[in-house]
């Protein structure tokens, strides 16, 4: 939604670790999806939008930019 400076990441990124309650961008755990490696470029596609707001599949919207969300998610790995 470029007119709203928003990209909906769905489960490409999640912002709530249901096991720990941590609220930060993460890659969805392989136990929670059929294949986390099915679309390895998907997080980068989210980052490439340059959007400020990223509503994820789970958790609160991330409002510090898509690039920062993806960087944090990749650094943290699967939750």
N, C-alpha and C. Protein backbone atom coordinates (compact mmCIF):
# COMPACT_ATOMS: atom_id res chain seq x y z
N UNK A 1 0.83 -1.16 0.00
CA UNK A 1 0.00 0.00 0.00
C UNK A 1 0.89 1.24 0.00
N UNK A 2 1.50 1.54 -1.14
CA UNK A 2 2.44 2.66 -1.19
C UNK A 2 1.83 4.00 -0.78
N UNK A 3 0.55 4.18 -1.06
CA UNK A 3 -0.09 5.45 -0.69
C UNK A 3 -0.20 5.63 0.83
N UNK A 4 0.00 4.54 1.56
CA UNK A 4 -0.04 4.59 3.03
C UNK A 4 1.32 4.28 3.65
N UNK A 5 2.36 4.19 2.80
CA UNK A 5 3.72 3.90 3.27
C UNK A 5 3.74 2.63 4.12
N UNK A 6 3.02 1.60 3.63
CA UNK A 6 2.82 0.37 4.39
C UNK A 6 2.99 -0.85 3.50
N UNK A 7 3.64 -1.88 4.03
CA UNK A 7 3.69 -3.18 3.36
C UNK A 7 3.22 -4.22 4.37
N UNK A 8 2.24 -5.03 3.96
CA UNK A 8 1.72 -6.09 4.82
C UNK A 8 2.60 -7.31 4.59
N UNK A 9 3.32 -7.73 5.63
CA UNK A 9 4.27 -8.83 5.46
C UNK A 9 3.63 -10.20 5.60
N UNK A 10 2.44 -10.25 6.21
CA UNK A 10 1.85 -11.55 6.48
C UNK A 10 2.82 -12.39 7.29
N UNK A 11 2.98 -13.66 6.93
CA UNK A 11 3.89 -14.52 7.69
C UNK A 11 5.32 -14.51 7.16
N UNK A 12 5.63 -13.62 6.22
CA UNK A 12 7.04 -13.47 5.82
C UNK A 12 7.85 -12.98 7.02
N UNK A 13 7.22 -12.17 7.85
CA UNK A 13 7.79 -11.71 9.12
C UNK A 13 6.68 -11.79 10.16
N UNK A 14 7.02 -12.13 11.35
CA UNK A 14 6.08 -12.05 12.46
C UNK A 14 6.68 -11.12 13.50
N UNK A 15 5.84 -10.52 14.31
CA UNK A 15 6.35 -9.58 15.31
C UNK A 15 6.00 -9.98 16.72
N UNK A 16 5.64 -11.25 16.89
CA UNK A 16 5.35 -11.74 18.23
C UNK A 16 5.77 -13.20 18.31
N UNK A 17 6.67 -13.48 19.21
CA UNK A 17 7.07 -14.86 19.46
C UNK A 17 6.08 -15.43 20.45
N UNK A 18 5.22 -16.33 19.98
CA UNK A 18 4.17 -16.87 20.84
C UNK A 18 4.70 -17.71 21.99
N UNK A 19 5.94 -18.21 21.86
CA UNK A 19 6.52 -19.00 22.94
C UNK A 19 7.06 -18.13 24.05
N UNK A 20 7.70 -17.01 23.70
CA UNK A 20 8.37 -16.18 24.70
C UNK A 20 7.66 -14.86 24.98
N UNK A 21 6.77 -14.45 24.10
CA UNK A 21 6.09 -13.17 24.25
C UNK A 21 6.90 -11.99 23.76
N UNK A 22 8.10 -12.25 23.23
CA UNK A 22 8.93 -11.16 22.72
C UNK A 22 8.26 -10.52 21.51
N UNK A 23 8.24 -9.20 21.51
CA UNK A 23 7.59 -8.45 20.44
C UNK A 23 8.64 -7.76 19.58
N UNK A 24 9.13 -8.48 18.59
CA UNK A 24 10.08 -7.91 17.64
C UNK A 24 10.02 -8.74 16.36
N UNK A 25 10.43 -8.18 15.24
CA UNK A 25 10.36 -8.92 13.98
C UNK A 25 11.19 -10.20 14.01
N UNK A 26 10.59 -11.27 13.51
CA UNK A 26 11.24 -12.57 13.45
C UNK A 26 10.82 -13.28 12.17
N UNK A 27 11.58 -14.31 11.80
CA UNK A 27 11.20 -15.22 10.74
C UNK A 27 10.33 -16.29 11.38
N UNK A 28 9.23 -16.63 10.76
CA UNK A 28 8.32 -17.61 11.35
C UNK A 28 9.04 -18.95 11.51
N UNK A 29 8.79 -19.62 12.61
CA UNK A 29 9.45 -20.89 12.92
C UNK A 29 9.03 -21.96 11.93
N UNK A 30 9.97 -22.83 11.59
CA UNK A 30 9.66 -23.91 10.65
C UNK A 30 8.59 -24.85 11.21
N UNK A 31 8.48 -24.93 12.53
CA UNK A 31 7.45 -25.78 13.13
C UNK A 31 6.04 -25.21 12.91
N UNK A 32 5.97 -23.92 12.56
CA UNK A 32 4.68 -23.26 12.40
C UNK A 32 4.26 -23.08 10.95
N UNK A 33 5.08 -23.56 10.03
CA UNK A 33 4.75 -23.40 8.61
C UNK A 33 5.27 -24.59 7.83
N UNK A 34 4.72 -24.81 6.68
CA UNK A 34 5.13 -25.97 5.88
C UNK A 34 6.57 -25.87 5.43
N UNK A 35 7.00 -24.68 4.97
CA UNK A 35 8.35 -24.55 4.43
C UNK A 35 8.83 -23.11 4.55
N UNK A 36 9.65 -22.82 5.56
CA UNK A 36 10.16 -21.46 5.74
C UNK A 36 11.13 -21.08 4.64
N UNK A 37 11.65 -22.04 3.92
CA UNK A 37 12.64 -21.74 2.88
C UNK A 37 12.02 -21.76 1.49
N UNK A 38 10.70 -21.86 1.42
CA UNK A 38 10.02 -21.90 0.13
C UNK A 38 10.26 -20.61 -0.65
N UNK A 39 10.24 -19.50 0.01
CA UNK A 39 10.44 -18.21 -0.63
C UNK A 39 11.54 -17.44 0.09
N UNK A 40 12.80 -17.83 -0.09
CA UNK A 40 13.87 -17.21 0.68
C UNK A 40 14.04 -15.72 0.42
N UNK A 41 13.58 -15.22 -0.72
CA UNK A 41 13.73 -13.81 -1.02
C UNK A 41 12.60 -12.95 -0.48
N UNK A 42 11.59 -13.58 0.12
CA UNK A 42 10.44 -12.82 0.58
C UNK A 42 10.77 -11.74 1.60
N UNK A 43 11.59 -11.99 2.62
CA UNK A 43 11.93 -10.89 3.53
C UNK A 43 12.59 -9.72 2.80
N UNK A 44 13.46 -10.00 1.85
CA UNK A 44 14.09 -8.91 1.11
C UNK A 44 13.08 -8.15 0.26
N UNK A 45 12.08 -8.83 -0.26
CA UNK A 45 11.03 -8.16 -1.02
C UNK A 45 10.28 -7.18 -0.12
N UNK A 46 10.07 -7.56 1.13
CA UNK A 46 9.44 -6.66 2.10
C UNK A 46 10.34 -5.45 2.33
N UNK A 47 11.62 -5.68 2.56
CA UNK A 47 12.57 -4.59 2.81
C UNK A 47 12.66 -3.65 1.62
N UNK A 48 12.64 -4.21 0.43
CA UNK A 48 12.80 -3.40 -0.78
C UNK A 48 11.68 -2.40 -1.00
N UNK A 49 10.56 -2.57 -0.33
CA UNK A 49 9.47 -1.61 -0.48
C UNK A 49 9.82 -0.26 0.13
N UNK A 50 10.70 -0.29 1.15
CA UNK A 50 11.06 0.95 1.82
C UNK A 50 9.94 1.53 2.68
N UNK A 51 8.89 0.75 2.90
CA UNK A 51 7.76 1.23 3.68
C UNK A 51 8.16 1.50 5.13
N UNK A 52 7.45 2.38 5.76
CA UNK A 52 7.69 2.70 7.16
C UNK A 52 6.96 1.73 8.08
N UNK A 53 5.75 1.35 7.72
CA UNK A 53 4.91 0.52 8.57
C UNK A 53 4.80 -0.88 7.98
N UNK A 54 4.98 -1.89 8.86
CA UNK A 54 4.91 -3.29 8.44
C UNK A 54 3.96 -4.05 9.37
N UNK A 55 2.69 -4.21 8.98
CA UNK A 55 1.81 -5.08 9.74
C UNK A 55 2.18 -6.55 9.45
N UNK A 56 2.57 -7.31 10.47
CA UNK A 56 2.99 -8.69 10.26
C UNK A 56 1.82 -9.67 10.38
N UNK A 57 2.13 -10.93 10.16
CA UNK A 57 1.12 -11.97 10.32
C UNK A 57 0.69 -12.13 11.76
N UNK A 58 1.57 -11.87 12.72
CA UNK A 58 1.27 -12.00 14.14
C UNK A 58 1.97 -10.87 14.87
N UNK A 59 1.30 -10.25 15.78
CA UNK A 59 1.90 -9.17 16.56
C UNK A 59 1.48 -7.80 16.08
N UNK A 60 1.99 -6.81 16.75
CA UNK A 60 1.66 -5.42 16.44
C UNK A 60 2.43 -4.94 15.21
N UNK A 61 1.89 -3.96 14.49
CA UNK A 61 2.62 -3.40 13.35
C UNK A 61 3.97 -2.83 13.78
N UNK A 62 4.95 -3.05 12.96
CA UNK A 62 6.29 -2.49 13.15
C UNK A 62 6.28 -1.14 12.46
N UNK A 63 6.67 -0.06 13.15
CA UNK A 63 6.59 1.28 12.57
C UNK A 63 7.96 1.94 12.41
N UNK A 64 9.01 1.13 12.42
CA UNK A 64 10.37 1.67 12.30
C UNK A 64 11.01 1.34 10.96
N UNK A 65 10.19 0.99 9.99
CA UNK A 65 10.71 0.76 8.64
C UNK A 65 10.88 -0.70 8.29
N UNK A 66 10.54 -1.02 7.04
CA UNK A 66 10.62 -2.39 6.54
C UNK A 66 12.06 -2.91 6.55
N UNK A 67 13.01 -2.08 6.17
CA UNK A 67 14.41 -2.53 6.15
C UNK A 67 14.88 -2.91 7.54
N UNK A 68 14.55 -2.10 8.54
CA UNK A 68 14.95 -2.41 9.92
C UNK A 68 14.26 -3.67 10.42
N UNK A 69 13.00 -3.85 10.05
CA UNK A 69 12.27 -5.05 10.47
C UNK A 69 12.93 -6.31 9.91
N UNK A 70 13.26 -6.28 8.64
CA UNK A 70 13.88 -7.45 8.01
C UNK A 70 15.27 -7.69 8.58
N UNK A 71 16.04 -6.65 8.77
CA UNK A 71 17.38 -6.80 9.35
C UNK A 71 17.29 -7.46 10.73
N UNK A 72 16.38 -6.99 11.57
CA UNK A 72 16.22 -7.58 12.91
C UNK A 72 15.75 -9.03 12.82
N UNK A 73 14.82 -9.30 11.93
CA UNK A 73 14.29 -10.66 11.78
C UNK A 73 15.38 -11.62 11.33
N UNK A 74 16.17 -11.21 10.36
CA UNK A 74 17.24 -12.08 9.86
C UNK A 74 18.32 -12.27 10.91
N UNK A 75 18.62 -11.23 11.67
CA UNK A 75 19.62 -11.34 12.74
C UNK A 75 19.13 -12.30 13.84
N UNK A 76 17.83 -12.26 14.13
CA UNK A 76 17.28 -13.08 15.19
C UNK A 76 17.05 -14.52 14.75
N UNK A 77 16.80 -14.73 13.46
CA UNK A 77 16.52 -16.07 12.96
C UNK A 77 15.10 -16.48 13.25
N UNK A 78 14.83 -17.77 13.12
CA UNK A 78 13.49 -18.30 13.38
C UNK A 78 13.15 -18.16 14.85
N UNK A 79 11.88 -17.96 15.13
CA UNK A 79 11.46 -17.94 16.54
C UNK A 79 10.86 -19.28 16.91
